[in-house]
């Protein structure tokens, strides 16, 4: 029931897009922060 509502209704699809977007943004920001920390630790 819940999965069906998530993938078939307009509200469910918008929620799914927001969830995926937040996960992608979090992964990108985590990678950027990790690279920045590695870059700064290499300078010292």
C-alpha atoms as a PDB file:
ATOM      1  CA  UNK A   1       0.000   0.000   0.000  1.00  0.00           C
ATOM      2  CA  UNK A   2       2.643   2.546   1.019  1.00  0.00           C
ATOM      3  CA  UNK A   3       5.022   1.532  -1.782  1.00  0.00           C
ATOM      4  CA  UNK A   4       2.186   1.713  -4.279  1.00  0.00           C
ATOM      5  CA  UNK A   5       1.279   5.211  -3.079  1.00  0.00           C
ATOM      6  CA  UNK A   6       4.930   6.314  -3.193  1.00  0.00           C
ATOM      7  CA  UNK A   7       5.463   5.253  -6.813  1.00  0.00           C
ATOM      8  CA  UNK A   8       2.048   6.011  -8.347  1.00  0.00           C
ATOM      9  CA  UNK A   9       0.644   9.209  -6.828  1.00  0.00           C
ATOM     10  CA  UNK A  10       1.819  12.728  -7.604  1.00  0.00           C
ATOM     11  CA  UNK A  11       2.580  13.487  -3.958  1.00  0.00           C
ATOM     12  CA  UNK A  12       4.482  10.207  -3.591  1.00  0.00           C
ATOM     13  CA  UNK A  13       6.626  10.882  -6.655  1.00  0.00           C
ATOM     14  CA  UNK A  14       7.428  14.416  -5.449  1.00  0.00           C
ATOM     15  CA  UNK A  15       8.408  12.991  -2.066  1.00  0.00           C
ATOM     16  CA  UNK A  16      10.608  10.402  -3.767  1.00  0.00           C
ATOM     17  CA  UNK A  17      12.344  13.128  -5.795  1.00  0.00           C
ATOM     18  CA  UNK A  18      13.000  15.135  -2.615  1.00  0.00           C
ATOM     19  CA  UNK A  19      14.361  12.077  -0.777  1.00  0.00           C
ATOM     20  CA  UNK A  20      16.689  11.160  -3.655  1.00  0.00           C
ATOM     21  CA  UNK A  21      17.781  14.807  -4.006  1.00  0.00           C
ATOM     22  CA  UNK A  22      18.681  15.092  -0.331  1.00  0.00           C
ATOM     23  CA  UNK A  23      20.704  11.870  -0.463  1.00  0.00           C
ATOM     24  CA  UNK A  24      22.573  12.999  -3.600  1.00  0.00           C
ATOM     25  CA  UNK A  25      23.299  16.461  -2.169  1.00  0.00           C
ATOM     26  CA  UNK A  26      24.534  14.868   1.071  1.00  0.00           C
ATOM     27  CA  UNK A  27      26.852  12.525  -0.818  1.00  0.00           C
ATOM     28  CA  UNK A  28      28.260  15.356  -2.951  1.00  0.00           C
ATOM     29  CA  UNK A  29      28.820  17.614   0.063  1.00  0.00           C
ATOM     30  CA  UNK A  30      30.438  14.767   2.001  1.00  0.00           C
ATOM     31  CA  UNK A  31      32.816  14.105  -0.889  1.00  0.00           C
ATOM     32  CA  UNK A  32      33.657  17.823  -1.178  1.00  0.00           C
ATOM     33  CA  UNK A  33      34.322  18.115   2.564  1.00  0.00           C
ATOM     34  CA  UNK A  34      36.434  14.970   2.520  1.00  0.00           C
ATOM     35  CA  UNK A  35      38.542  16.301  -0.353  1.00  0.00           C
ATOM     36  CA  UNK A  36      38.929  19.651   1.406  1.00  0.00           C
ATOM     37  CA  UNK A  37      40.068  17.976   4.644  1.00  0.00           C
ATOM     38  CA  UNK A  38      42.608  15.866   2.748  1.00  0.00           C
ATOM     39  CA  UNK A  39      43.870  18.961   0.941  1.00  0.00           C
ATOM     40  CA  UNK A  40      44.297  20.935   4.167  1.00  0.00           C
ATOM     41  CA  UNK A  41      45.987  18.078   6.035  1.00  0.00           C
ATOM     42  CA  UNK A  42      48.525  17.715   3.237  1.00  0.00           C
ATOM     43  CA  UNK A  43      49.637  21.340   3.536  1.00  0.00           C
ATOM     44  CA  UNK A  44      50.898  21.005   7.124  1.00  0.00           C
END
